Amino acid sequence: MALAIHSQSILSASELATSRGEFRWYAAHVRANHEKRVGEQLAQRSVEFFLPLYESMRRWKDRRVKLHLPLFPGYVLVRIELSGRLRVLQVPGVARLVGFNGQPAPLQDVEIEVLRRKLNGPVRAEPHPFLQIGRRVRVKKGPLEGFEGFLVRQKQKYRIVLSIDTICRSIAAEVDLADVEFASPGPKVPAQVPASGMHFPPRNS
């Protein structure tokens, strides 16, 4: 997902469109483990926000509990007019709006909207170490149709990894190998990659 000026997009060129209007999506950097509290405060202030969660089973003493954790730890995405940024920055737990040279950087609105729609559907995603290299693929059919990312193989299962450059976060979702095609010439089957921190290089403008 391209959230920086120089980055690759999680959507194919045919899916990507330029957003118009004053309201844009921004990434708010928040204190660790404060994502849900910040979301509650934003809701009280009638600020539109996006805080996707995923289910994780954790062992607690003599039992296992199901937790709902932030898909993008440390960040909450907000849709605001830049002139009204104080409504977000004054929320306890919010550190800043992510940007460059002191100026908040707007995200690709169409990508955020599509991601919201997909994650509210049958797609189940989890955090993944940030990727910088790998074989870039395009999903040609299925729930993630139109997305582009890196294809990785773990325990005989294939996953597409989508990265947000600006906040250095990646998420992964399972895909059927028959549903993807390589965005550039390459081998039919990807090499298995370790689950270590990597991210893809920025695209030249």
N, C-alpha and C. Protein backbone atom coordinates (compact mmCIF):
# COMPACT_ATOMS: atom_id res chain seq x y z
N MET A 1 0.85 -1.17 0.00
CA MET A 1 0.00 0.00 0.00
C MET A 1 0.89 1.23 0.00
N ALA A 2 0.67 2.12 -0.89
CA ALA A 2 1.55 3.27 -0.99
C ALA A 2 1.00 4.41 -0.17
N LEU A 3 1.72 4.79 0.89
CA LEU A 3 1.30 5.91 1.71
C LEU A 3 2.35 7.00 1.70
N ALA A 4 3.41 6.83 0.95
CA ALA A 4 4.45 7.83 0.85
C ALA A 4 4.51 8.34 -0.58
N ILE A 5 5.25 9.44 -0.78
CA ILE A 5 5.35 10.01 -2.11
C ILE A 5 6.07 9.04 -3.04
N HIS A 6 7.13 8.39 -2.54
CA HIS A 6 7.89 7.42 -3.33
C HIS A 6 7.63 6.04 -2.76
N SER A 7 6.69 5.32 -3.34
CA SER A 7 6.37 4.00 -2.82
C SER A 7 5.58 3.23 -3.87
N GLN A 8 5.44 1.94 -3.62
CA GLN A 8 4.65 1.11 -4.50
C GLN A 8 3.25 1.01 -3.94
N SER A 9 2.30 0.73 -4.80
CA SER A 9 0.90 0.67 -4.41
C SER A 9 0.47 -0.76 -4.19
N ILE A 10 -0.48 -0.94 -3.27
CA ILE A 10 -1.03 -2.28 -3.08
C ILE A 10 -2.14 -2.55 -4.08
N LEU A 11 -2.52 -1.54 -4.87
CA LEU A 11 -3.53 -1.71 -5.90
C LEU A 11 -2.88 -1.67 -7.27
N SER A 12 -3.43 -2.43 -8.20
CA SER A 12 -2.91 -2.39 -9.56
C SER A 12 -3.27 -1.05 -10.18
N ALA A 13 -2.59 -0.70 -11.27
CA ALA A 13 -2.80 0.60 -11.90
C ALA A 13 -4.25 0.80 -12.30
N SER A 14 -4.90 -0.27 -12.73
CA SER A 14 -6.30 -0.15 -13.16
C SER A 14 -7.25 0.13 -12.00
N GLU A 15 -6.81 -0.21 -10.78
CA GLU A 15 -7.67 -0.02 -9.60
C GLU A 15 -7.40 1.31 -8.92
N LEU A 16 -6.21 1.89 -9.20
CA LEU A 16 -5.80 3.09 -8.48
C LEU A 16 -6.39 4.34 -9.11
N ALA A 17 -6.96 5.22 -8.31
CA ALA A 17 -7.53 6.47 -8.82
C ALA A 17 -7.12 7.61 -7.91
N THR A 18 -7.16 8.81 -8.42
CA THR A 18 -6.80 9.98 -7.63
C THR A 18 -8.00 10.47 -6.84
N SER A 19 -7.78 10.66 -5.56
CA SER A 19 -8.88 11.12 -4.70
C SER A 19 -8.99 12.63 -4.74
N ARG A 20 -10.21 13.15 -4.67
CA ARG A 20 -10.45 14.58 -4.65
C ARG A 20 -11.17 14.95 -3.36
N GLY A 21 -11.08 16.24 -3.02
CA GLY A 21 -11.76 16.70 -1.82
C GLY A 21 -10.77 17.04 -0.73
N GLU A 22 -11.26 17.75 0.28
CA GLU A 22 -10.39 18.23 1.34
C GLU A 22 -10.18 17.19 2.42
N PHE A 23 -11.13 16.30 2.62
CA PHE A 23 -10.96 15.27 3.63
C PHE A 23 -10.04 14.19 3.08
N ARG A 24 -8.95 13.89 3.80
CA ARG A 24 -7.99 12.88 3.37
C ARG A 24 -7.66 11.96 4.55
N TRP A 25 -7.11 10.81 4.21
CA TRP A 25 -6.68 9.87 5.24
C TRP A 25 -5.24 10.17 5.65
N TYR A 26 -4.99 10.13 6.96
CA TYR A 26 -3.65 10.32 7.51
C TYR A 26 -3.39 9.23 8.55
N ALA A 27 -2.12 8.98 8.81
CA ALA A 27 -1.75 8.00 9.83
C ALA A 27 -1.36 8.73 11.10
N ALA A 28 -2.09 8.45 12.18
CA ALA A 28 -1.77 9.04 13.49
C ALA A 28 -0.91 8.06 14.27
N HIS A 29 0.28 8.51 14.66
CA HIS A 29 1.17 7.68 15.48
C HIS A 29 0.74 7.81 16.93
N VAL A 30 0.47 6.69 17.59
CA VAL A 30 -0.05 6.73 18.96
C VAL A 30 0.86 5.94 19.89
N ARG A 31 0.69 6.16 21.18
CA ARG A 31 1.47 5.44 22.19
C ARG A 31 1.15 3.94 22.13
N ALA A 32 2.15 3.15 22.48
CA ALA A 32 1.98 1.69 22.46
C ALA A 32 0.80 1.27 23.32
N ASN A 33 -0.01 0.37 22.80
CA ASN A 33 -1.16 -0.19 23.50
C ASN A 33 -2.26 0.84 23.79
N HIS A 34 -2.24 1.94 23.07
CA HIS A 34 -3.27 2.97 23.25
C HIS A 34 -4.17 3.10 22.02
N GLU A 35 -4.04 2.19 21.07
CA GLU A 35 -4.80 2.32 19.84
C GLU A 35 -6.31 2.33 20.08
N LYS A 36 -6.81 1.41 20.89
CA LYS A 36 -8.25 1.33 21.12
C LYS A 36 -8.76 2.53 21.92
N ARG A 37 -7.98 2.98 22.89
CA ARG A 37 -8.38 4.16 23.67
C ARG A 37 -8.45 5.39 22.77
N VAL A 38 -7.48 5.52 21.89
CA VAL A 38 -7.49 6.64 20.96
C VAL A 38 -8.72 6.54 20.05
N GLY A 39 -9.03 5.34 19.59
CA GLY A 39 -10.21 5.15 18.75
C GLY A 39 -11.49 5.58 19.46
N GLU A 40 -11.59 5.24 20.74
CA GLU A 40 -12.77 5.64 21.52
C GLU A 40 -12.88 7.16 21.61
N GLN A 41 -11.74 7.82 21.84
CA GLN A 41 -11.73 9.28 21.94
C GLN A 41 -12.08 9.92 20.59
N LEU A 42 -11.58 9.35 19.52
CA LEU A 42 -11.89 9.89 18.19
C LEU A 42 -13.38 9.76 17.89
N ALA A 43 -13.97 8.62 18.29
CA ALA A 43 -15.39 8.42 18.08
C ALA A 43 -16.20 9.46 18.84
N GLN A 44 -15.79 9.77 20.07
CA GLN A 44 -16.48 10.77 20.87
C GLN A 44 -16.40 12.15 20.23
N ARG A 45 -15.32 12.38 19.47
CA ARG A 45 -15.14 13.68 18.82
C ARG A 45 -15.67 13.68 17.38
N SER A 46 -16.35 12.58 17.01
CA SER A 46 -16.94 12.45 15.68
C SER A 46 -15.89 12.53 14.58
N VAL A 47 -14.71 11.98 14.84
CA VAL A 47 -13.65 11.92 13.85
C VAL A 47 -13.67 10.53 13.21
N GLU A 48 -13.74 10.47 11.89
CA GLU A 48 -13.73 9.19 11.21
C GLU A 48 -12.35 8.56 11.33
N PHE A 49 -12.31 7.29 11.70
CA PHE A 49 -11.03 6.62 11.86
C PHE A 49 -11.13 5.18 11.41
N PHE A 50 -9.97 4.57 11.21
CA PHE A 50 -9.88 3.18 10.76
C PHE A 50 -8.88 2.47 11.65
N LEU A 51 -9.37 1.51 12.44
CA LEU A 51 -8.52 0.75 13.35
C LEU A 51 -8.85 -0.73 13.18
N PRO A 52 -8.30 -1.36 12.15
CA PRO A 52 -8.59 -2.78 11.94
C PRO A 52 -7.96 -3.65 13.01
N LEU A 53 -8.68 -4.70 13.42
CA LEU A 53 -8.20 -5.61 14.45
C LEU A 53 -8.14 -7.03 13.89
N TYR A 54 -7.35 -7.86 14.53
CA TYR A 54 -7.29 -9.27 14.15
C TYR A 54 -7.34 -10.11 15.42
N GLU A 55 -7.78 -11.35 15.28
CA GLU A 55 -7.90 -12.24 16.43
C GLU A 55 -6.59 -12.98 16.68
N SER A 56 -6.22 -13.07 17.95
CA SER A 56 -5.00 -13.79 18.33
C SER A 56 -5.27 -14.58 19.60
N MET A 57 -4.91 -15.85 19.60
CA MET A 57 -5.07 -16.69 20.78
C MET A 57 -3.80 -16.62 21.62
N ARG A 58 -3.94 -16.26 22.88
CA ARG A 58 -2.81 -16.16 23.80
C ARG A 58 -3.07 -17.00 25.04
N ARG A 59 -2.01 -17.55 25.58
CA ARG A 59 -2.14 -18.34 26.80
C ARG A 59 -2.07 -17.42 28.02
N TRP A 60 -3.05 -17.57 28.91
CA TRP A 60 -3.11 -16.75 30.12
C TRP A 60 -3.26 -17.68 31.31
N LYS A 61 -2.18 -17.85 32.06
CA LYS A 61 -2.15 -18.76 33.20
C LYS A 61 -2.54 -20.17 32.73
N ASP A 62 -3.71 -20.67 33.17
CA ASP A 62 -4.08 -22.05 32.84
C ASP A 62 -5.12 -22.13 31.73
N ARG A 63 -5.28 -21.05 30.97
CA ARG A 63 -6.28 -21.07 29.91
C ARG A 63 -5.80 -20.24 28.71
N ARG A 64 -6.51 -20.41 27.62
CA ARG A 64 -6.21 -19.64 26.41
C ARG A 64 -7.33 -18.62 26.20
N VAL A 65 -6.93 -17.42 25.84
CA VAL A 65 -7.91 -16.35 25.65
C VAL A 65 -7.78 -15.79 24.23
N LYS A 66 -8.90 -15.35 23.70
CA LYS A 66 -8.91 -14.74 22.38
C LYS A 66 -8.84 -13.22 22.53
N LEU A 67 -7.84 -12.63 21.89
CA LEU A 67 -7.65 -11.19 21.95
C LEU A 67 -7.89 -10.58 20.58
N HIS A 68 -8.35 -9.33 20.58
CA HIS A 68 -8.49 -8.58 19.34
C HIS A 68 -7.45 -7.46 19.37
N LEU A 69 -6.42 -7.60 18.54
CA LEU A 69 -5.27 -6.71 18.57
C LEU A 69 -5.22 -5.86 17.31
N PRO A 70 -4.58 -4.69 17.38
CA PRO A 70 -4.47 -3.80 16.22
C PRO A 70 -3.68 -4.45 15.09
N LEU A 71 -4.19 -4.35 13.88
CA LEU A 71 -3.50 -4.89 12.72
C LEU A 71 -2.26 -4.06 12.38
N PHE A 72 -2.32 -2.75 12.70
CA PHE A 72 -1.18 -1.86 12.50
C PHE A 72 -0.77 -1.30 13.86
N PRO A 73 0.00 -2.03 14.64
CA PRO A 73 0.37 -1.59 15.99
C PRO A 73 1.02 -0.21 15.99
N GLY A 74 0.54 0.64 16.88
CA GLY A 74 1.13 1.97 17.02
C GLY A 74 0.51 3.04 16.14
N TYR A 75 -0.51 2.66 15.34
CA TYR A 75 -1.10 3.63 14.43
C TYR A 75 -2.61 3.50 14.35
N VAL A 76 -3.26 4.64 14.17
CA VAL A 76 -4.68 4.71 13.88
C VAL A 76 -4.83 5.62 12.67
N LEU A 77 -5.56 5.19 11.68
CA LEU A 77 -5.75 6.00 10.48
C LEU A 77 -6.98 6.89 10.67
N VAL A 78 -6.84 8.15 10.30
CA VAL A 78 -7.92 9.12 10.51
C VAL A 78 -8.21 9.84 9.20
N ARG A 79 -9.48 10.18 9.00
CA ARG A 79 -9.90 10.92 7.80
C ARG A 79 -10.37 12.29 8.25
N ILE A 80 -9.57 13.30 7.93
CA ILE A 80 -9.83 14.65 8.42
C ILE A 80 -9.45 15.69 7.37
N GLU A 81 -9.92 16.92 7.60
CA GLU A 81 -9.38 18.07 6.89
C GLU A 81 -8.13 18.48 7.64
N LEU A 82 -7.07 18.79 6.93
CA LEU A 82 -5.82 19.11 7.58
C LEU A 82 -5.95 20.32 8.51
N SER A 83 -6.84 21.21 8.16
CA SER A 83 -7.04 22.39 9.00
C SER A 83 -7.62 22.02 10.36
N GLY A 84 -8.22 20.82 10.45
CA GLY A 84 -8.80 20.39 11.72
C GLY A 84 -7.98 19.34 12.42
N ARG A 85 -6.69 19.32 12.17
CA ARG A 85 -5.82 18.28 12.73
C ARG A 85 -5.76 18.31 14.26
N LEU A 86 -6.02 19.45 14.87
CA LEU A 86 -5.95 19.53 16.33
C LEU A 86 -6.98 18.62 17.00
N ARG A 87 -8.07 18.34 16.31
CA ARG A 87 -9.08 17.43 16.86
C ARG A 87 -8.48 16.05 17.09
N VAL A 88 -7.45 15.72 16.34
CA VAL A 88 -6.76 14.44 16.49
C VAL A 88 -5.56 14.58 17.41
N LEU A 89 -4.76 15.62 17.19
CA LEU A 89 -3.52 15.78 17.95
C LEU A 89 -3.77 16.03 19.43
N GLN A 90 -4.94 16.54 19.78
CA GLN A 90 -5.26 16.81 21.18
C GLN A 90 -5.81 15.59 21.91
N VAL A 91 -6.00 14.49 21.20
CA VAL A 91 -6.48 13.26 21.83
C VAL A 91 -5.34 12.65 22.66
N PRO A 92 -5.56 12.34 23.93
CA PRO A 92 -4.52 11.72 24.75
C PRO A 92 -4.01 10.43 24.11
N GLY A 93 -2.71 10.32 23.99
CA GLY A 93 -2.12 9.13 23.40
C GLY A 93 -1.64 9.32 21.97
N VAL A 94 -2.12 10.37 21.30
CA VAL A 94 -1.68 10.65 19.94
C VAL A 94 -0.40 11.46 19.98
N ALA A 95 0.63 10.99 19.27
CA ALA A 95 1.92 11.68 19.25
C ALA A 95 2.02 12.67 18.10
N ARG A 96 1.62 12.22 16.90
CA ARG A 96 1.75 13.08 15.72
C ARG A 96 1.03 12.45 14.54
N LEU A 97 0.88 13.24 13.49
CA LEU A 97 0.43 12.73 12.21
C LEU A 97 1.68 12.46 11.39
N VAL A 98 1.78 11.27 10.83
CA VAL A 98 2.98 10.89 10.10
C VAL A 98 3.11 11.73 8.83
N GLY A 99 4.32 12.21 8.58
CA GLY A 99 4.55 13.01 7.39
C GLY A 99 6.02 13.22 7.14
N PHE A 100 6.33 14.25 6.38
CA PHE A 100 7.70 14.53 6.00
C PHE A 100 7.97 16.03 6.15
N ASN A 101 9.15 16.35 6.68
CA ASN A 101 9.56 17.75 6.87
C ASN A 101 8.53 18.54 7.67
N GLY A 102 7.95 17.87 8.66
CA GLY A 102 7.00 18.55 9.53
C GLY A 102 5.61 18.70 8.95
N GLN A 103 5.36 18.18 7.76
CA GLN A 103 4.05 18.30 7.12
C GLN A 103 3.38 16.93 7.04
N PRO A 104 2.18 16.76 7.60
CA PRO A 104 1.48 15.47 7.50
C PRO A 104 1.31 15.04 6.05
N ALA A 105 1.55 13.76 5.79
CA ALA A 105 1.45 13.23 4.42
C ALA A 105 0.13 12.49 4.25
N PRO A 106 -0.72 12.92 3.33
CA PRO A 106 -1.99 12.21 3.10
C PRO A 106 -1.75 10.85 2.49
N LEU A 107 -2.61 9.91 2.83
CA LEU A 107 -2.53 8.57 2.27
C LEU A 107 -3.36 8.49 1.00
N GLN A 108 -3.19 7.39 0.26
CA GLN A 108 -4.01 7.18 -0.93
C GLN A 108 -5.41 6.79 -0.49
N ASP A 109 -6.35 7.71 -0.64
CA ASP A 109 -7.71 7.49 -0.14
C ASP A 109 -8.35 6.23 -0.71
N VAL A 110 -8.18 6.00 -2.01
CA VAL A 110 -8.83 4.85 -2.63
C VAL A 110 -8.28 3.55 -2.05
N GLU A 111 -7.00 3.51 -1.73
CA GLU A 111 -6.42 2.30 -1.17
C GLU A 111 -6.98 2.02 0.22
N ILE A 112 -7.11 3.06 1.03
CA ILE A 112 -7.64 2.87 2.37
C ILE A 112 -9.09 2.41 2.31
N GLU A 113 -9.87 3.01 1.41
CA GLU A 113 -11.28 2.64 1.30
C GLU A 113 -11.42 1.19 0.83
N VAL A 114 -10.60 0.79 -0.14
CA VAL A 114 -10.67 -0.59 -0.62
C VAL A 114 -10.23 -1.54 0.49
N LEU A 115 -9.18 -1.18 1.21
CA LEU A 115 -8.70 -2.02 2.30
C LEU A 115 -9.77 -2.18 3.37
N ARG A 116 -10.46 -1.11 3.70
CA ARG A 116 -11.55 -1.18 4.68
C ARG A 116 -12.62 -2.15 4.22
N ARG A 117 -12.99 -2.04 2.97
CA ARG A 117 -14.05 -2.89 2.43
C ARG A 117 -13.63 -4.36 2.44
N LYS A 118 -12.39 -4.64 2.07
CA LYS A 118 -11.92 -6.02 2.03
C LYS A 118 -11.83 -6.60 3.44
N LEU A 119 -11.31 -5.83 4.40
CA LEU A 119 -11.14 -6.34 5.75
C LEU A 119 -12.46 -6.50 6.48
N ASN A 120 -13.48 -5.80 6.01
CA ASN A 120 -14.82 -5.97 6.59
C ASN A 120 -15.54 -7.17 5.99
N GLY A 121 -14.91 -7.79 4.99
CA GLY A 121 -15.50 -8.94 4.33
C GLY A 121 -14.85 -10.23 4.79
N PRO A 122 -14.64 -11.17 3.85
CA PRO A 122 -14.13 -12.49 4.23
C PRO A 122 -12.62 -12.56 4.41
N VAL A 123 -11.90 -11.47 4.10
CA VAL A 123 -10.44 -11.49 4.19
C VAL A 123 -9.99 -11.48 5.65
N ARG A 124 -9.10 -12.41 5.99
CA ARG A 124 -8.52 -12.46 7.33
C ARG A 124 -7.04 -12.17 7.20
N ALA A 125 -6.61 -11.07 7.80
CA ALA A 125 -5.22 -10.65 7.70
C ALA A 125 -4.58 -10.60 9.08
N GLU A 126 -3.26 -10.70 9.10
CA GLU A 126 -2.49 -10.61 10.33
C GLU A 126 -1.25 -9.77 10.07
N PRO A 127 -0.67 -9.18 11.13
CA PRO A 127 0.58 -8.42 10.94
C PRO A 127 1.68 -9.33 10.40
N HIS A 128 2.58 -8.74 9.64
CA HIS A 128 3.70 -9.48 9.07
C HIS A 128 4.93 -8.57 9.14
N PRO A 129 6.12 -9.14 9.34
CA PRO A 129 7.33 -8.31 9.32
C PRO A 129 7.40 -7.49 8.03
N PHE A 130 7.83 -6.26 8.17
CA PHE A 130 7.85 -5.32 7.05
C PHE A 130 8.77 -5.82 5.94
N LEU A 131 8.24 -5.90 4.70
CA LEU A 131 9.00 -6.45 3.58
C LEU A 131 9.66 -5.37 2.73
N GLN A 132 10.88 -5.68 2.25
CA GLN A 132 11.58 -4.76 1.37
C GLN A 132 12.00 -5.43 0.05
N ILE A 133 12.07 -6.75 0.01
CA ILE A 133 12.45 -7.44 -1.21
C ILE A 133 11.54 -8.64 -1.41
N GLY A 134 11.47 -9.10 -2.65
CA GLY A 134 10.68 -10.27 -2.94
C GLY A 134 10.04 -10.19 -4.32
N ARG A 135 9.26 -11.19 -4.65
CA ARG A 135 8.58 -11.25 -5.94
C ARG A 135 7.22 -10.59 -5.84
N ARG A 136 7.03 -9.50 -6.57
CA ARG A 136 5.78 -8.75 -6.51
C ARG A 136 4.73 -9.42 -7.38
N VAL A 137 3.53 -9.58 -6.84
CA VAL A 137 2.46 -10.24 -7.56
C VAL A 137 1.18 -9.41 -7.52
N ARG A 138 0.26 -9.77 -8.40
CA ARG A 138 -1.04 -9.12 -8.48
C ARG A 138 -2.11 -10.19 -8.31
N VAL A 139 -3.12 -9.90 -7.48
CA VAL A 139 -4.22 -10.84 -7.28
C VAL A 139 -5.24 -10.61 -8.39
N LYS A 140 -5.48 -11.64 -9.20
CA LYS A 140 -6.34 -11.49 -10.37
C LYS A 140 -7.78 -11.92 -10.12
N LYS A 141 -8.01 -12.67 -9.02
CA LYS A 141 -9.38 -13.04 -8.68
C LYS A 141 -9.44 -13.44 -7.21
N GLY A 142 -10.65 -13.53 -6.69
CA GLY A 142 -10.82 -13.86 -5.28
C GLY A 142 -11.10 -12.62 -4.44
N PRO A 143 -11.19 -12.78 -3.12
CA PRO A 143 -11.53 -11.66 -2.23
C PRO A 143 -10.56 -10.50 -2.31
N LEU A 144 -9.28 -10.76 -2.65
CA LEU A 144 -8.27 -9.71 -2.70
C LEU A 144 -7.98 -9.24 -4.13
N GLU A 145 -8.89 -9.48 -5.03
CA GLU A 145 -8.69 -9.10 -6.43
C GLU A 145 -8.33 -7.62 -6.55
N GLY A 146 -7.29 -7.35 -7.35
CA GLY A 146 -6.87 -5.98 -7.58
C GLY A 146 -5.70 -5.54 -6.72
N PHE A 147 -5.38 -6.29 -5.67
CA PHE A 147 -4.28 -5.92 -4.78
C PHE A 147 -2.95 -6.38 -5.35
N GLU A 148 -1.89 -5.65 -5.01
CA GLU A 148 -0.54 -6.05 -5.36
C GLU A 148 0.30 -6.09 -4.09
N GLY A 149 1.22 -7.05 -4.03
CA GLY A 149 2.09 -7.18 -2.87
C GLY A 149 3.13 -8.24 -3.13
N PHE A 150 3.72 -8.76 -2.07
CA PHE A 150 4.73 -9.80 -2.20
C PHE A 150 4.14 -11.15 -1.83
N LEU A 151 4.50 -12.15 -2.60
CA LEU A 151 4.04 -13.51 -2.34
C LEU A 151 5.10 -14.25 -1.54
N VAL A 152 4.68 -14.81 -0.40
CA VAL A 152 5.59 -15.59 0.43
C VAL A 152 4.96 -16.95 0.71
N ARG A 153 5.80 -17.91 1.01
CA ARG A 153 5.31 -19.25 1.32
C ARG A 153 5.77 -19.63 2.71
N GLN A 154 4.83 -20.05 3.53
CA GLN A 154 5.13 -20.48 4.90
C GLN A 154 4.33 -21.74 5.19
N LYS A 155 5.05 -22.80 5.51
CA LYS A 155 4.41 -24.08 5.84
C LYS A 155 3.42 -24.51 4.76
N GLN A 156 3.88 -24.46 3.53
CA GLN A 156 3.10 -24.93 2.38
C GLN A 156 1.87 -24.08 2.09
N LYS A 157 1.75 -22.94 2.71
CA LYS A 157 0.65 -22.03 2.42
C LYS A 157 1.21 -20.74 1.83
N TYR A 158 0.43 -20.14 0.94
CA TYR A 158 0.86 -18.91 0.29
C TYR A 158 0.11 -17.72 0.87
N ARG A 159 0.86 -16.63 1.03
CA ARG A 159 0.26 -15.42 1.56
C ARG A 159 0.75 -14.24 0.74
N ILE A 160 -0.11 -13.24 0.60
CA ILE A 160 0.30 -12.00 -0.04
C ILE A 160 0.55 -10.98 1.06
N VAL A 161 1.66 -10.31 0.98
CA VAL A 161 2.05 -9.33 1.99
C VAL A 161 1.87 -7.93 1.42
N LEU A 162 1.06 -7.12 2.10
CA LEU A 162 0.79 -5.74 1.71
C LEU A 162 1.48 -4.82 2.70
N SER A 163 2.22 -3.83 2.19
CA SER A 163 3.02 -2.97 3.06
C SER A 163 2.60 -1.51 2.97
N ILE A 164 2.65 -0.83 4.11
CA ILE A 164 2.42 0.61 4.18
C ILE A 164 3.78 1.24 4.44
N ASP A 165 4.34 1.88 3.43
CA ASP A 165 5.69 2.39 3.53
C ASP A 165 5.86 3.42 4.64
N THR A 166 4.93 4.37 4.74
CA THR A 166 5.09 5.48 5.65
C THR A 166 5.22 5.05 7.10
N ILE A 167 4.47 4.03 7.51
CA ILE A 167 4.50 3.60 8.91
C ILE A 167 5.27 2.30 9.09
N CYS A 168 5.89 1.82 8.03
CA CYS A 168 6.72 0.61 8.10
C CYS A 168 5.96 -0.56 8.71
N ARG A 169 4.77 -0.80 8.20
CA ARG A 169 3.95 -1.91 8.66
C ARG A 169 3.50 -2.75 7.46
N SER A 170 3.43 -4.06 7.69
CA SER A 170 2.94 -4.97 6.65
C SER A 170 1.88 -5.88 7.25
N ILE A 171 0.95 -6.32 6.40
CA ILE A 171 -0.03 -7.31 6.80
C ILE A 171 -0.02 -8.42 5.75
N ALA A 172 -0.46 -9.61 6.14
CA ALA A 172 -0.45 -10.75 5.24
C ALA A 172 -1.79 -11.47 5.30
N ALA A 173 -2.21 -11.97 4.15
CA ALA A 173 -3.45 -12.75 4.06
C ALA A 173 -3.21 -13.92 3.14
N GLU A 174 -3.85 -15.06 3.44
CA GLU A 174 -3.67 -16.25 2.61
C GLU A 174 -4.33 -16.06 1.25
N VAL A 175 -3.67 -16.59 0.23
CA VAL A 175 -4.22 -16.56 -1.12
C VAL A 175 -4.01 -17.92 -1.78
N ASP A 176 -4.84 -18.20 -2.76
CA ASP A 176 -4.66 -19.39 -3.57
C ASP A 176 -3.66 -19.05 -4.67
N LEU A 177 -2.67 -19.90 -4.85
CA LEU A 177 -1.64 -19.63 -5.85
C LEU A 177 -2.24 -19.43 -7.24
N ALA A 178 -3.35 -20.09 -7.51
CA ALA A 178 -3.98 -19.96 -8.82
C ALA A 178 -4.64 -18.59 -9.01
N ASP A 179 -4.79 -17.83 -7.92
CA ASP A 179 -5.47 -16.53 -7.99
C ASP A 179 -4.51 -15.37 -8.20
N VAL A 180 -3.20 -15.65 -8.28
CA VAL A 180 -2.24 -14.55 -8.41
C VAL A 180 -1.42 -14.70 -9.69
N GLU A 181 -0.87 -13.59 -10.14
CA GLU A 181 0.03 -13.57 -11.27
C GLU A 181 1.17 -12.61 -10.95
N PHE A 182 2.33 -12.89 -11.47
CA PHE A 182 3.48 -12.05 -11.17
C PHE A 182 3.35 -10.71 -11.89
N ALA A 183 3.68 -9.64 -11.17
CA ALA A 183 3.60 -8.30 -11.73
C ALA A 183 4.73 -8.06 -12.72
N SER A 184 5.79 -8.87 -12.66
CA SER A 184 6.90 -8.78 -13.59
C SER A 184 7.37 -10.20 -13.87
N PRO A 185 8.11 -10.43 -14.95
CA PRO A 185 8.55 -11.79 -15.27
C PRO A 185 9.31 -12.43 -14.13
N GLY A 186 9.03 -13.70 -13.86
CA GLY A 186 9.72 -14.39 -12.78
C GLY A 186 9.31 -15.83 -12.73
N PRO A 187 9.80 -16.58 -11.78
CA PRO A 187 9.47 -17.99 -11.67
C PRO A 187 8.01 -18.19 -11.31
N LYS A 188 7.47 -19.34 -11.64
CA LYS A 188 6.07 -19.63 -11.36
C LYS A 188 5.81 -19.79 -9.87
N VAL A 189 6.78 -20.34 -9.14
CA VAL A 189 6.60 -20.59 -7.71
C VAL A 189 7.64 -19.80 -6.94
N PRO A 190 7.23 -19.01 -5.91
CA PRO A 190 8.18 -18.20 -5.17
C PRO A 190 9.03 -19.05 -4.24
N ALA A 191 10.24 -18.56 -3.98
CA ALA A 191 11.09 -19.24 -3.01
C ALA A 191 10.56 -18.97 -1.62
N GLN A 192 10.79 -19.91 -0.72
CA GLN A 192 10.32 -19.72 0.64
C GLN A 192 11.18 -18.66 1.30
N VAL A 193 10.57 -17.72 1.98
CA VAL A 193 11.31 -16.65 2.62
C VAL A 193 11.13 -16.74 4.12
N PRO A 194 12.15 -16.34 4.88
CA PRO A 194 12.03 -16.37 6.33
C PRO A 194 11.13 -15.26 6.81
N ALA A 195 10.48 -15.47 7.94
CA ALA A 195 9.60 -14.45 8.50
C ALA A 195 10.43 -13.45 9.27
N SER A 196 11.28 -12.70 8.56
CA SER A 196 12.12 -11.69 9.19
C SER A 196 11.75 -10.34 8.62
N GLY A 197 12.19 -9.28 9.28
CA GLY A 197 11.79 -7.95 8.87
C GLY A 197 12.38 -7.54 7.54
N MET A 198 11.53 -7.33 6.54
CA MET A 198 11.97 -6.87 5.23
C MET A 198 10.90 -5.91 4.72
N HIS A 199 11.28 -5.03 3.78
CA HIS A 199 10.29 -4.16 3.14
C HIS A 199 10.72 -3.96 1.70
N PHE A 200 9.75 -3.61 0.83
CA PHE A 200 10.12 -3.48 -0.56
C PHE A 200 10.68 -2.11 -0.84
N PRO A 201 11.57 -1.97 -1.85
CA PRO A 201 12.19 -0.69 -2.16
C PRO A 201 11.19 0.27 -2.78
N PRO A 202 11.38 1.58 -2.57
CA PRO A 202 10.46 2.57 -3.15
C PRO A 202 10.59 2.62 -4.66
N ARG A 203 9.46 2.97 -5.30
CA ARG A 203 9.42 3.10 -6.76
C ARG A 203 9.93 4.48 -7.13
N ASN A 204 10.75 4.58 -8.16
CA ASN A 204 11.25 5.87 -8.61
C ASN A 204 10.11 6.66 -9.21
N SER A 205 10.04 7.93 -8.88
CA SER A 205 8.95 8.79 -9.39
C SER A 205 9.32 9.33 -10.75
